[in-house]
C-alpha atoms as a PDB file:
ATOM      1  CA  MET A   1      -1.175 -97.132  31.709  1.00  0.00           C
ATOM      2  CA  ALA A   2       2.578 -96.657  32.315  1.00  0.00           C
ATOM      3  CA  VAL A   3       5.919 -97.837  30.986  1.00  0.00           C
ATOM      4  CA  ASN A   4       8.922 -97.629  33.210  1.00  0.00           C
ATOM      5  CA  ARG A   5       6.873 -95.845  35.639  1.00  0.00           C
ATOM      6  CA  ARG A   6       6.023 -93.124  33.183  1.00  0.00           C
ATOM      7  CA  LEU A   7       2.436 -92.286  32.120  1.00  0.00           C
ATOM      8  CA  GLN A   8       1.494 -93.398  28.534  1.00  0.00           C
ATOM      9  CA  PRO A   9       0.023 -90.655  26.443  1.00  0.00           C
ATOM     10  CA  TRP A  10      -3.561 -92.125  26.518  1.00  0.00           C
ATOM     11  CA  ALA A  11      -3.382 -92.090  30.303  1.00  0.00           C
ATOM     12  CA  LYS A  12      -2.324 -88.591  30.371  1.00  0.00           C
ATOM     13  CA  LEU A  13      -5.039 -87.535  27.946  1.00  0.00           C
ATOM     14  CA  ARG A  14      -7.815 -89.745  29.983  1.00  0.00           C
ATOM     15  CA  ILE A  15      -6.558 -88.145  33.455  1.00  0.00           C
ATOM     16  CA  THR A  16      -6.621 -84.407  31.832  1.00  0.00           C
ATOM     17  CA  THR A  17     -10.055 -85.114  30.414  1.00  0.00           C
ATOM     18  CA  ILE A  18     -11.517 -86.193  33.687  1.00  0.00           C
ATOM     19  CA  ILE A  19     -10.060 -83.315  35.456  1.00  0.00           C
ATOM     20  CA  ALA A  20     -11.574 -80.840  32.834  1.00  0.00           C
ATOM     21  CA  LYS A  21     -14.806 -82.295  32.865  1.00  0.00           C
ATOM     22  CA  ARG A  22     -15.354 -82.656  36.552  1.00  0.00           C
ATOM     23  CA  ASN A  23     -13.759 -79.128  37.036  1.00  0.00           C
ATOM     24  CA  LEU A  24     -11.148 -80.594  39.543  1.00  0.00           C
ATOM     25  CA  LYS A  25      -7.870 -79.175  40.691  1.00  0.00           C
ATOM     26  CA  MET A  26      -4.886 -81.174  41.017  1.00  0.00           C
ATOM     27  CA  GLY A  27      -5.168 -81.400  44.845  1.00  0.00           C
ATOM     28  CA  ASP A  28      -8.595 -82.572  44.644  1.00  0.00           C
ATOM     29  CA  VAL A  29      -7.591 -85.534  42.388  1.00  0.00           C
ATOM     30  CA  MET A  30      -4.819 -86.277  44.775  1.00  0.00           C
ATOM     31  CA  ALA A  31      -7.264 -86.335  47.817  1.00  0.00           C
ATOM     32  CA  GLU A  32      -9.777 -88.532  45.719  1.00  0.00           C
ATOM     33  CA  MET A  33      -6.770 -90.983  45.413  1.00  0.00           C
ATOM     34  CA  GLY A  34      -6.210 -90.938  49.153  1.00  0.00           C
ATOM     35  CA  LEU A  35      -2.767 -88.973  48.752  1.00  0.00           C
ATOM     36  CA  LYS A  36      -1.734 -85.789  50.245  1.00  0.00           C
ATOM     37  CA  ARG A  37      -3.363 -82.632  48.408  1.00  0.00           C
ATOM     38  CA  LEU A  38      -0.153 -80.947  48.033  1.00  0.00           C
ATOM     39  CA  THR A  39       1.727 -83.927  46.508  1.00  0.00           C
ATOM     40  CA  ALA A  40       3.057 -82.829  43.104  1.00  0.00           C
ATOM     41  CA  SER A  41       3.904 -86.089  41.465  1.00  0.00           C
ATOM     42  CA  LEU A  42       0.780 -86.572  39.229  1.00  0.00           C
ATOM     43  CA  GLY A  43       1.117 -82.974  38.169  1.00  0.00           C
ATOM     44  CA  SER A  44       4.811 -83.470  37.392  1.00  0.00           C
ATOM     45  CA  ALA A  45       3.937 -86.674  35.552  1.00  0.00           C
ATOM     46  CA  LEU A  46       1.487 -84.957  33.404  1.00  0.00           C
ATOM     47  CA  ARG A  47       3.630 -81.898  32.487  1.00  0.00           C
ATOM     48  CA  SER A  48       7.175 -83.293  32.385  1.00  0.00           C
ATOM     49  CA  ASN A  49       6.854 -87.164  31.994  1.00  0.00           C
ATOM     50  CA  HIS A  50       8.511 -87.533  35.510  1.00  0.00           C
ATOM     51  CA  ARG A  51       8.478 -90.915  36.739  1.00  0.00           C
ATOM     52  CA  LEU A  52       5.672 -91.931  39.404  1.00  0.00           C
ATOM     53  CA  GLN A  53       6.161 -94.273  42.550  1.00  0.00           C
ATOM     54  CA  PRO A  54       4.431 -97.620  42.194  1.00  0.00           C
ATOM     55  CA  ASN A  55       1.944 -96.756  45.105  1.00  0.00           C
ATOM     56  CA  VAL A  56       0.820 -93.371  43.152  1.00  0.00           C
ATOM     57  CA  LEU A  57       0.325 -95.686  39.845  1.00  0.00           C
ATOM     58  CA  ALA A  58      -1.719 -98.035  41.666  1.00  0.00           C
ATOM     59  CA  GLN A  59      -3.841 -95.211  43.073  1.00  0.00           C
ATOM     60  CA  ILE A  60      -4.076 -93.535  39.538  1.00  0.00           C
ATOM     61  CA  GLU A  61      -5.415 -96.822  38.178  1.00  0.00           C
ATOM     62  CA  ILE A  62      -8.158 -97.288  40.829  1.00  0.00           C
ATOM     63  CA  TRP A  63      -9.013 -93.802  40.400  1.00  0.00           C
ATOM     64  CA  LEU A  64      -9.363 -94.074  36.536  1.00  0.00           C
ATOM     65  CA  ASP A  65     -11.720 -96.927  37.131  1.00  0.00           C
ATOM     66  CA  LYS A  66     -13.799 -95.125  39.380  1.00  0.00           C
ATOM     67  CA  ASN A  67     -14.020 -92.240  36.859  1.00  0.00           C
ATOM     68  CA  LYS A  68     -14.694 -94.434  33.755  1.00  0.00           C
ATOM     69  CA  HIS A  69     -18.111 -93.198  33.685  1.00  0.00           C
ATOM     70  CA  VAL A  70     -16.796 -89.552  32.863  1.00  0.00           C
END
C-alpha cells in the first residue's frame, strides 16, 4: 500500500474511489479511521505525495479493508 511511507498509486486511486462512491469528505474519512477530523495528513498524501506516519498507514489499511465492498 505504501513505499517509504508514501501511498502507492493504486492505493490513492482506491481511496479516492471509495470517497467518491460514498460521498465522503476528508474529515469523514479521518473520523472513520479514528483520527481527528482536522488532520490533513491523508489529504496531503493524496494531493502531494507527502509521507504518512506509520499509525496513519495502519489505520488506512484497516479502513480500506472495511470498505472493500465499495
